[in-house]
All heavy atoms as atom14 arrays in JSON, in Angstrom:
{
  "sequence": "NLPVGTRFSCGDALLEMTQIGKECHSHCEIFKRMGECIM",
  "atom14_mask": [
    [1, 1, 1, 1, 1, 1, 1, 1, 0, 0, 0, 0, 0, 0],
    [1, 1, 1, 1, 1, 1, 1, 1, 0, 0, 0, 0, 0, 0],
    [1, 1, 1, 1, 1, 1, 1, 0, 0, 0, 0, 0, 0, 0],
    [1, 1, 1, 1, 1, 1, 1, 0, 0, 0, 0, 0, 0, 0],
    [1, 1, 1, 1, 0, 0, 0, 0, 0, 0, 0, 0, 0, 0],
    [1, 1, 1, 1, 1, 1, 1, 0, 0, 0, 0, 0, 0, 0],
    [1, 1, 1, 1, 1, 1, 1, 1, 1, 1, 1, 0, 0, 0],
    [1, 1, 1, 1, 1, 1, 1, 1, 1, 1, 1, 0, 0, 0],
    [1, 1, 1, 1, 1, 1, 0, 0, 0, 0, 0, 0, 0, 0],
    [1, 1, 1, 1, 1, 1, 0, 0, 0, 0, 0, 0, 0, 0],
    [1, 1, 1, 1, 0, 0, 0, 0, 0, 0, 0, 0, 0, 0],
    [1, 1, 1, 1, 1, 1, 1, 1, 0, 0, 0, 0, 0, 0],
    [1, 1, 1, 1, 1, 0, 0, 0, 0, 0, 0, 0, 0, 0],
    [1, 1, 1, 1, 1, 1, 1, 1, 0, 0, 0, 0, 0, 0],
    [1, 1, 1, 1, 1, 1, 1, 1, 0, 0, 0, 0, 0, 0],
    [1, 1, 1, 1, 1, 1, 1, 1, 1, 0, 0, 0, 0, 0],
    [1, 1, 1, 1, 1, 1, 1, 1, 0, 0, 0, 0, 0, 0],
    [1, 1, 1, 1, 1, 1, 1, 0, 0, 0, 0, 0, 0, 0],
    [1, 1, 1, 1, 1, 1, 1, 1, 1, 0, 0, 0, 0, 0],
    [1, 1, 1, 1, 1, 1, 1, 1, 0, 0, 0, 0, 0, 0],
    [1, 1, 1, 1, 0, 0, 0, 0, 0, 0, 0, 0, 0, 0],
    [1, 1, 1, 1, 1, 1, 1, 1, 1, 0, 0, 0, 0, 0],
    [1, 1, 1, 1, 1, 1, 1, 1, 1, 0, 0, 0, 0, 0],
    [1, 1, 1, 1, 1, 1, 0, 0, 0, 0, 0, 0, 0, 0],
    [1, 1, 1, 1, 1, 1, 1, 1, 1, 1, 0, 0, 0, 0],
    [1, 1, 1, 1, 1, 1, 0, 0, 0, 0, 0, 0, 0, 0],
    [1, 1, 1, 1, 1, 1, 1, 1, 1, 1, 0, 0, 0, 0],
    [1, 1, 1, 1, 1, 1, 0, 0, 0, 0, 0, 0, 0, 0],
    [1, 1, 1, 1, 1, 1, 1, 1, 1, 0, 0, 0, 0, 0],
    [1, 1, 1, 1, 1, 1, 1, 1, 0, 0, 0, 0, 0, 0],
    [1, 1, 1, 1, 1, 1, 1, 1, 1, 1, 1, 0, 0, 0],
    [1, 1, 1, 1, 1, 1, 1, 1, 1, 0, 0, 0, 0, 0],
    [1, 1, 1, 1, 1, 1, 1, 1, 1, 1, 1, 0, 0, 0],
    [1, 1, 1, 1, 1, 1, 1, 1, 0, 0, 0, 0, 0, 0],
    [1, 1, 1, 1, 0, 0, 0, 0, 0, 0, 0, 0, 0, 0],
    [1, 1, 1, 1, 1, 1, 1, 1, 1, 0, 0, 0, 0, 0],
    [1, 1, 1, 1, 1, 1, 0, 0, 0, 0, 0, 0, 0, 0],
    [1, 1, 1, 1, 1, 1, 1, 1, 0, 0, 0, 0, 0, 0],
    [1, 1, 1, 1, 1, 1, 1, 1, 0, 0, 0, 0, 0, 0]
  ],
  "atom14_positions": [
    [[2.09, 16.24, -21.94], [2.25, 17.32, -22.91], [2.65, 16.84, -24.3], [2.98, 17.64, -25.16], [3.27, 18.36, -22.4], [2.67, 19.17, -21.25], [1.54, 19.63, -21.32], [3.44, 19.29, -20.18], [0.0, 0.0, 0.0], [0.0, 0.0, 0.0], [0.0, 0.0, 0.0], [0.0, 0.0, 0.0], [0.0, 0.0, 0.0], [0.0, 0.0, 0.0]],
    [[2.6, 15.53, -24.49], [2.86, 14.96, -25.82], [1.53, 14.53, -26.43], [0.62, 14.13, -25.69], [3.8, 13.75, -25.71], [5.21, 14.05, -25.19], [5.95, 12.76, -24.91], [5.96, 14.9, -26.2], [0.0, 0.0, 0.0], [0.0, 0.0, 0.0], [0.0, 0.0, 0.0], [0.0, 0.0, 0.0], [0.0, 0.0, 0.0], [0.0, 0.0, 0.0]],
    [[1.39, 14.59, -27.73], [0.1, 14.23, -28.34], [-0.11, 12.72, -28.43], [0.84, 11.94, -28.52], [0.19, 14.84, -29.74], [1.66, 14.87, -30.04], [2.35, 15.11, -28.73], [0.0, 0.0, 0.0], [0.0, 0.0, 0.0], [0.0, 0.0, 0.0], [0.0, 0.0, 0.0], [0.0, 0.0, 0.0], [0.0, 0.0, 0.0], [0.0, 0.0, 0.0]],
    [[-1.39, 12.34, -28.38], [-1.74, 10.95, -28.68], [-1.2, 10.62, -30.06], [-1.22, 11.47, -30.95], [-3.28, 10.77, -28.62], [-3.7, 9.44, -29.21], [-3.77, 10.88, -27.19], [0.0, 0.0, 0.0], [0.0, 0.0, 0.0], [0.0, 0.0, 0.0], [0.0, 0.0, 0.0], [0.0, 0.0, 0.0], [0.0, 0.0, 0.0], [0.0, 0.0, 0.0]],
    [[-0.62, 9.43, -30.21], [0.02, 9.05, -31.47], [1.52, 9.12, -31.39], [2.22, 8.59, -32.27], [0.0, 0.0, 0.0], [0.0, 0.0, 0.0], [0.0, 0.0, 0.0], [0.0, 0.0, 0.0], [0.0, 0.0, 0.0], [0.0, 0.0, 0.0], [0.0, 0.0, 0.0], [0.0, 0.0, 0.0], [0.0, 0.0, 0.0], [0.0, 0.0, 0.0]],
    [[2.05, 9.75, -30.3], [3.5, 9.82, -30.14], [4.04, 8.4, -29.99], [3.43, 7.56, -29.33], [3.86, 10.64, -28.87], [3.38, 11.97, -29.04], [5.37, 10.67, -28.63], [0.0, 0.0, 0.0], [0.0, 0.0, 0.0], [0.0, 0.0, 0.0], [0.0, 0.0, 0.0], [0.0, 0.0, 0.0], [0.0, 0.0, 0.0], [0.0, 0.0, 0.0]],
    [[5.16, 8.15, -30.66], [5.79, 6.83, -30.6], [7.11, 6.89, -29.86], [7.84, 7.86, -29.95], [5.99, 6.27, -32.02], [4.68, 5.93, -32.67], [4.86, 5.32, -34.04], [3.59, 4.93, -34.6], [3.44, 4.22, -35.68], [4.51, 3.81, -36.37], [2.24, 3.9, -36.14], [0.0, 0.0, 0.0], [0.0, 0.0, 0.0], [0.0, 0.0, 0.0]],
    [[7.4, 5.78, -29.14], [8.64, 5.63, -28.39], [9.27, 4.31, -28.72], [8.59, 3.29, -28.85], [8.35, 5.62, -26.88], [7.76, 6.89, -26.36], [6.4, 7.05, -26.22], [8.58, 7.95, -25.99], [5.84, 8.2, -25.74], [8.02, 9.11, -25.5], [6.66, 9.26, -25.38], [0.0, 0.0, 0.0], [0.0, 0.0, 0.0], [0.0, 0.0, 0.0]],
    [[10.6, 4.32, -28.86], [11.32, 3.07, -29.07], [12.19, 2.8, -27.85], [12.72, 3.72, -27.22], [12.2, 3.13, -30.33], [13.24, 4.07, -30.17], [0.0, 0.0, 0.0], [0.0, 0.0, 0.0], [0.0, 0.0, 0.0], [0.0, 0.0, 0.0], [0.0, 0.0, 0.0], [0.0, 0.0, 0.0], [0.0, 0.0, 0.0], [0.0, 0.0, 0.0]],
    [[12.32, 1.53, -27.54], [13.17, 1.09, -26.44], [13.74, -0.24, -26.88], [13.02, -1.24, -26.94], [12.35, 0.95, -25.16], [13.37, 0.52, -23.74], [0.0, 0.0, 0.0], [0.0, 0.0, 0.0], [0.0, 0.0, 0.0], [0.0, 0.0, 0.0], [0.0, 0.0, 0.0], [0.0, 0.0, 0.0], [0.0, 0.0, 0.0], [0.0, 0.0, 0.0]],
    [[15.01, -0.21, -27.27], [15.61, -1.4, -27.85], [14.84, -1.74, -29.12], [14.63, -0.89, -29.99], [0.0, 0.0, 0.0], [0.0, 0.0, 0.0], [0.0, 0.0, 0.0], [0.0, 0.0, 0.0], [0.0, 0.0, 0.0], [0.0, 0.0, 0.0], [0.0, 0.0, 0.0], [0.0, 0.0, 0.0], [0.0, 0.0, 0.0], [0.0, 0.0, 0.0]],
    [[14.39, -2.99, -29.25], [13.64, -3.43, -30.43], [12.15, -3.04, -30.34], [11.43, -3.08, -31.33], [13.74, -4.94, -30.59], [15.14, -5.38, -30.98], [15.87, -4.58, -31.6], [15.51, -6.52, -30.63], [0.0, 0.0, 0.0], [0.0, 0.0, 0.0], [0.0, 0.0, 0.0], [0.0, 0.0, 0.0], [0.0, 0.0, 0.0], [0.0, 0.0, 0.0]],
    [[11.7, -2.72, -29.14], [10.27, -2.46, -28.91], [9.85, -1.09, -29.4], [10.64, -0.13, -29.39], [9.95, -2.61, -27.44], [0.0, 0.0, 0.0], [0.0, 0.0, 0.0], [0.0, 0.0, 0.0], [0.0, 0.0, 0.0], [0.0, 0.0, 0.0], [0.0, 0.0, 0.0], [0.0, 0.0, 0.0], [0.0, 0.0, 0.0], [0.0, 0.0, 0.0]],
    [[8.59, -1.0, -29.84], [8.01, 0.27, -30.29], [6.64, 0.42, -29.67], [5.79, -0.47, -29.81], [7.91, 0.3, -31.83], [7.37, 1.58, -32.46], [8.29, 2.77, -32.19], [7.16, 1.38, -33.95], [0.0, 0.0, 0.0], [0.0, 0.0, 0.0], [0.0, 0.0, 0.0], [0.0, 0.0, 0.0], [0.0, 0.0, 0.0], [0.0, 0.0, 0.0]],
    [[6.4, 1.54, -28.99], [5.13, 1.85, -28.32], [4.49, 3.05, -28.99], [5.2, 3.95, -29.47], [5.32, 2.17, -26.85], [5.98, 1.11, -25.97], [6.26, 1.68, -24.59], [5.07, -0.09, -25.86], [0.0, 0.0, 0.0], [0.0, 0.0, 0.0], [0.0, 0.0, 0.0], [0.0, 0.0, 0.0], [0.0, 0.0, 0.0], [0.0, 0.0, 0.0]],
    [[3.15, 3.1, -29.01], [2.43, 4.27, -29.5], [1.43, 4.69, -28.44], [0.6, 3.89, -28.01], [1.72, 3.98, -30.8], [1.01, 5.22, -31.36], [0.39, 4.98, -32.71], [-0.77, 4.52, -32.76], [1.07, 5.25, -33.71], [0.0, 0.0, 0.0], [0.0, 0.0, 0.0], [0.0, 0.0, 0.0], [0.0, 0.0, 0.0], [0.0, 0.0, 0.0]],
    [[1.53, 5.97, -28.05], [0.64, 6.53, -27.04], [-0.79, 6.63, -27.58], [-1.01, 7.16, -28.67], [1.17, 7.92, -26.62], [0.77, 8.32, -25.25], [1.79, 9.7, -24.66], [0.91, 11.06, -25.37], [0.0, 0.0, 0.0], [0.0, 0.0, 0.0], [0.0, 0.0, 0.0], [0.0, 0.0, 0.0], [0.0, 0.0, 0.0], [0.0, 0.0, 0.0]],
    [[-1.75, 6.11, -26.81], [-3.15, 6.05, -27.26], [-4.08, 6.87, -26.4], [-5.19, 7.19, -26.84], [-3.64, 4.59, -27.24], [-3.47, 4.06, -25.92], [-2.91, 3.73, -28.25], [0.0, 0.0, 0.0], [0.0, 0.0, 0.0], [0.0, 0.0, 0.0], [0.0, 0.0, 0.0], [0.0, 0.0, 0.0], [0.0, 0.0, 0.0], [0.0, 0.0, 0.0]],
    [[-3.69, 7.2, -25.18], [-4.59, 7.91, -24.26], [-3.79, 8.66, -23.23], [-2.75, 8.16, -22.74], [-5.51, 6.9, -23.58], [-6.53, 7.51, -22.64], [-7.48, 6.45, -22.07], [-7.82, 5.48, -22.72], [-7.88, 6.64, -20.81], [0.0, 0.0, 0.0], [0.0, 0.0, 0.0], [0.0, 0.0, 0.0], [0.0, 0.0, 0.0], [0.0, 0.0, 0.0]],
    [[-4.25, 9.85, -22.89], [-3.65, 10.66, -21.84], [-4.64, 10.7, -20.67], [-5.79, 11.09, -20.83], [-3.33, 12.08, -22.32], [-2.37, 12.03, -23.49], [-2.78, 12.93, -21.16], [-2.18, 13.36, -24.21], [0.0, 0.0, 0.0], [0.0, 0.0, 0.0], [0.0, 0.0, 0.0], [0.0, 0.0, 0.0], [0.0, 0.0, 0.0], [0.0, 0.0, 0.0]],
    [[-4.19, 10.27, -19.5], [-5.05, 10.26, -18.33], [-6.12, 9.19, -18.38], [-6.26, 8.49, -19.37], [0.0, 0.0, 0.0], [0.0, 0.0, 0.0], [0.0, 0.0, 0.0], [0.0, 0.0, 0.0], [0.0, 0.0, 0.0], [0.0, 0.0, 0.0], [0.0, 0.0, 0.0], [0.0, 0.0, 0.0], [0.0, 0.0, 0.0], [0.0, 0.0, 0.0]],
    [[-6.84, 9.09, -17.27], [-7.93, 8.13, -17.21], [-8.85, 8.51, -16.07], [-8.39, 9.05, -15.06], [-7.37, 6.73, -17.08], [-7.45, 6.03, -15.75], [-6.69, 4.74, -15.75], [-7.36, 3.56, -15.16], [-7.89, 3.65, -13.84], [0.0, 0.0, 0.0], [0.0, 0.0, 0.0], [0.0, 0.0, 0.0], [0.0, 0.0, 0.0], [0.0, 0.0, 0.0]],
    [[-10.11, 8.26, -16.26], [-11.09, 8.56, -15.22], [-10.87, 7.65, -14.02], [-10.6, 6.46, -14.18], [-12.5, 8.4, -15.77], [-13.57, 8.9, -14.83], [-14.95, 8.79, -15.45], [-15.07, 8.67, -16.68], [-15.92, 8.8, -14.67], [0.0, 0.0, 0.0], [0.0, 0.0, 0.0], [0.0, 0.0, 0.0], [0.0, 0.0, 0.0], [0.0, 0.0, 0.0]],
    [[-10.96, 8.2, -12.85], [-10.82, 7.42, -11.62], [-12.23, 7.16, -11.08], [-12.88, 8.06, -10.57], [-9.98, 8.21, -10.61], [-9.56, 7.24, -9.15], [0.0, 0.0, 0.0], [0.0, 0.0, 0.0], [0.0, 0.0, 0.0], [0.0, 0.0, 0.0], [0.0, 0.0, 0.0], [0.0, 0.0, 0.0], [0.0, 0.0, 0.0], [0.0, 0.0, 0.0]],
    [[-12.69, 5.93, -11.23], [-14.07, 5.6, -10.83], [-14.22, 5.46, -9.32], [-15.11, 6.02, -8.72], [-14.53, 4.3, -11.53], [-14.55, 4.42, -13.0], [-15.48, 5.15, -13.67], [-13.73, 3.92, -13.96], [-15.26, 5.1, -14.97], [-14.19, 4.36, -15.17], [0.0, 0.0, 0.0], [0.0, 0.0, 0.0], [0.0, 0.0, 0.0], [0.0, 0.0, 0.0]],
    [[-13.34, 4.71, -8.71], [-13.37, 4.59, -7.23], [-11.99, 5.02, -6.76], [-11.0, 4.47, -7.16], [-13.67, 3.14, -6.83], [-12.72, 2.26, -7.41], [0.0, 0.0, 0.0], [0.0, 0.0, 0.0], [0.0, 0.0, 0.0], [0.0, 0.0, 0.0], [0.0, 0.0, 0.0], [0.0, 0.0, 0.0], [0.0, 0.0, 0.0], [0.0, 0.0, 0.0]],
    [[-11.98, 6.0, -5.9], [-10.7, 6.57, -5.48], [-9.8, 5.52, -4.84], [-10.22, 4.74, -3.99], [-10.93, 7.72, -4.51], [-11.53, 8.91, -5.19], [-10.97, 9.53, -6.27], [-12.68, 9.59, -4.92], [-11.71, 10.54, -6.64], [-12.77, 10.61, -5.84], [0.0, 0.0, 0.0], [0.0, 0.0, 0.0], [0.0, 0.0, 0.0], [0.0, 0.0, 0.0]],
    [[-8.53, 5.52, -5.26], [-7.54, 4.56, -4.79], [-7.06, 4.94, -3.39], [-7.41, 5.98, -2.84], [-6.36, 4.53, -5.76], [-5.44, 6.1, -5.82], [0.0, 0.0, 0.0], [0.0, 0.0, 0.0], [0.0, 0.0, 0.0], [0.0, 0.0, 0.0], [0.0, 0.0, 0.0], [0.0, 0.0, 0.0], [0.0, 0.0, 0.0], [0.0, 0.0, 0.0]],
    [[-6.26, 4.05, -2.82], [-5.72, 4.29, -1.47], [-4.87, 5.56, -1.41], [-4.89, 6.25, -0.41], [-4.9, 3.09, -1.01], [-5.73, 1.86, -0.73], [-6.8, 2.11, 0.31], [-6.53, 2.7, 1.37], [-7.96, 1.75, 0.05], [0.0, 0.0, 0.0], [0.0, 0.0, 0.0], [0.0, 0.0, 0.0], [0.0, 0.0, 0.0], [0.0, 0.0, 0.0]],
    [[-4.16, 5.86, -2.49], [-3.33, 7.07, -2.52], [-4.23, 8.3, -2.41], [-3.97, 9.22, -1.64], [-2.47, 7.13, -3.81], [-1.45, 5.99, -3.8], [-1.78, 8.47, -3.94], [-0.74, 5.77, -5.11], [0.0, 0.0, 0.0], [0.0, 0.0, 0.0], [0.0, 0.0, 0.0], [0.0, 0.0, 0.0], [0.0, 0.0, 0.0], [0.0, 0.0, 0.0]],
    [[-5.32, 8.34, -3.16], [-6.27, 9.46, -3.11], [-6.84, 9.58, -1.72], [-6.97, 10.7, -1.18], [-7.39, 9.3, -4.13], [-8.29, 10.48, -4.22], [-8.02, 11.51, -5.13], [-9.39, 10.61, -3.37], [-8.85, 12.61, -5.18], [-10.21, 11.71, -3.41], [-9.95, 12.73, -4.33], [0.0, 0.0, 0.0], [0.0, 0.0, 0.0], [0.0, 0.0, 0.0]],
    [[-7.21, 8.47, -1.12], [-7.78, 8.49, 0.22], [-6.8, 9.06, 1.26], [-7.2, 9.76, 2.17], [-8.26, 7.11, 0.63], [-9.48, 6.66, -0.19], [-9.83, 5.22, 0.07], [-10.96, 4.76, -0.85], [-11.12, 3.33, -0.91], [0.0, 0.0, 0.0], [0.0, 0.0, 0.0], [0.0, 0.0, 0.0], [0.0, 0.0, 0.0], [0.0, 0.0, 0.0]],
    [[-5.52, 8.75, 1.11], [-4.49, 9.21, 2.05], [-4.08, 10.65, 1.78], [-3.88, 11.43, 2.7], [-3.24, 8.32, 1.94], [-3.19, 7.23, 2.95], [-1.82, 6.57, 3.12], [-0.82, 6.78, 2.08], [-0.41, 5.86, 1.24], [-0.94, 4.67, 1.23], [0.53, 6.13, 0.37], [0.0, 0.0, 0.0], [0.0, 0.0, 0.0], [0.0, 0.0, 0.0]],
    [[-3.91, 11.0, 0.47], [-3.3, 12.27, 0.1], [-4.31, 13.31, -0.41], [-3.97, 14.48, -0.56], [-2.24, 12.05, -0.98], [-1.09, 11.17, -0.56], [-0.04, 11.9, 0.7], [0.61, 13.32, -0.15], [0.0, 0.0, 0.0], [0.0, 0.0, 0.0], [0.0, 0.0, 0.0], [0.0, 0.0, 0.0], [0.0, 0.0, 0.0], [0.0, 0.0, 0.0]],
    [[-5.52, 12.87, -0.75], [-6.52, 13.79, -1.29], [-6.37, 14.03, -2.76], [-7.12, 14.82, -3.35], [0.0, 0.0, 0.0], [0.0, 0.0, 0.0], [0.0, 0.0, 0.0], [0.0, 0.0, 0.0], [0.0, 0.0, 0.0], [0.0, 0.0, 0.0], [0.0, 0.0, 0.0], [0.0, 0.0, 0.0], [0.0, 0.0, 0.0], [0.0, 0.0, 0.0]],
    [[-5.43, 13.37, -3.39], [-5.24, 13.44, -4.84], [-4.44, 12.24, -5.31], [-3.82, 11.57, -4.52], [-4.54, 14.75, -5.26], [-3.07, 14.83, -4.84], [-2.33, 15.99, -5.46], [-2.57, 16.35, -6.63], [-1.5, 16.56, -4.74], [0.0, 0.0, 0.0], [0.0, 0.0, 0.0], [0.0, 0.0, 0.0], [0.0, 0.0, 0.0], [0.0, 0.0, 0.0]],
    [[-4.5, 12.02, -6.61], [-3.72, 10.96, -7.25], [-3.3, 11.51, -8.61], [-4.1, 12.12, -9.3], [-4.57, 9.7, -7.41], [-3.72, 8.38, -8.31], [0.0, 0.0, 0.0], [0.0, 0.0, 0.0], [0.0, 0.0, 0.0], [0.0, 0.0, 0.0], [0.0, 0.0, 0.0], [0.0, 0.0, 0.0], [0.0, 0.0, 0.0], [0.0, 0.0, 0.0]],
    [[-2.04, 11.28, -8.98], [-1.55, 11.87, -10.24], [-1.84, 11.02, -11.47], [-1.85, 11.54, -12.59], [-0.06, 12.2, -10.17], [0.79, 10.94, -9.94], [0.21, 13.27, -9.13], [2.27, 11.17, -10.03], [0.0, 0.0, 0.0], [0.0, 0.0, 0.0], [0.0, 0.0, 0.0], [0.0, 0.0, 0.0], [0.0, 0.0, 0.0], [0.0, 0.0, 0.0]],
    [[-2.14, 9.75, -11.31], [-2.34, 8.88, -12.49], [-3.47, 9.35, -13.39], [-3.3, 9.36, -14.61], [-2.55, 7.42, -12.04], [-2.47, 6.43, -13.18], [-0.83, 6.43, -13.95], [-1.04, 5.16, -15.18], [0.0, 0.0, 0.0], [0.0, 0.0, 0.0], [0.0, 0.0, 0.0], [0.0, 0.0, 0.0], [0.0, 0.0, 0.0], [0.0, 0.0, 0.0]]
  ]
}
């Protein structure tokens, strides 16, 4: 629920969010077991 471009600091480090979600090309083991994956 945060926009791309949001920045986070942790100590000296600084991160910038570049992407929300990602396409799942081959379903992972979690998807195979649970029928869904949250990543």
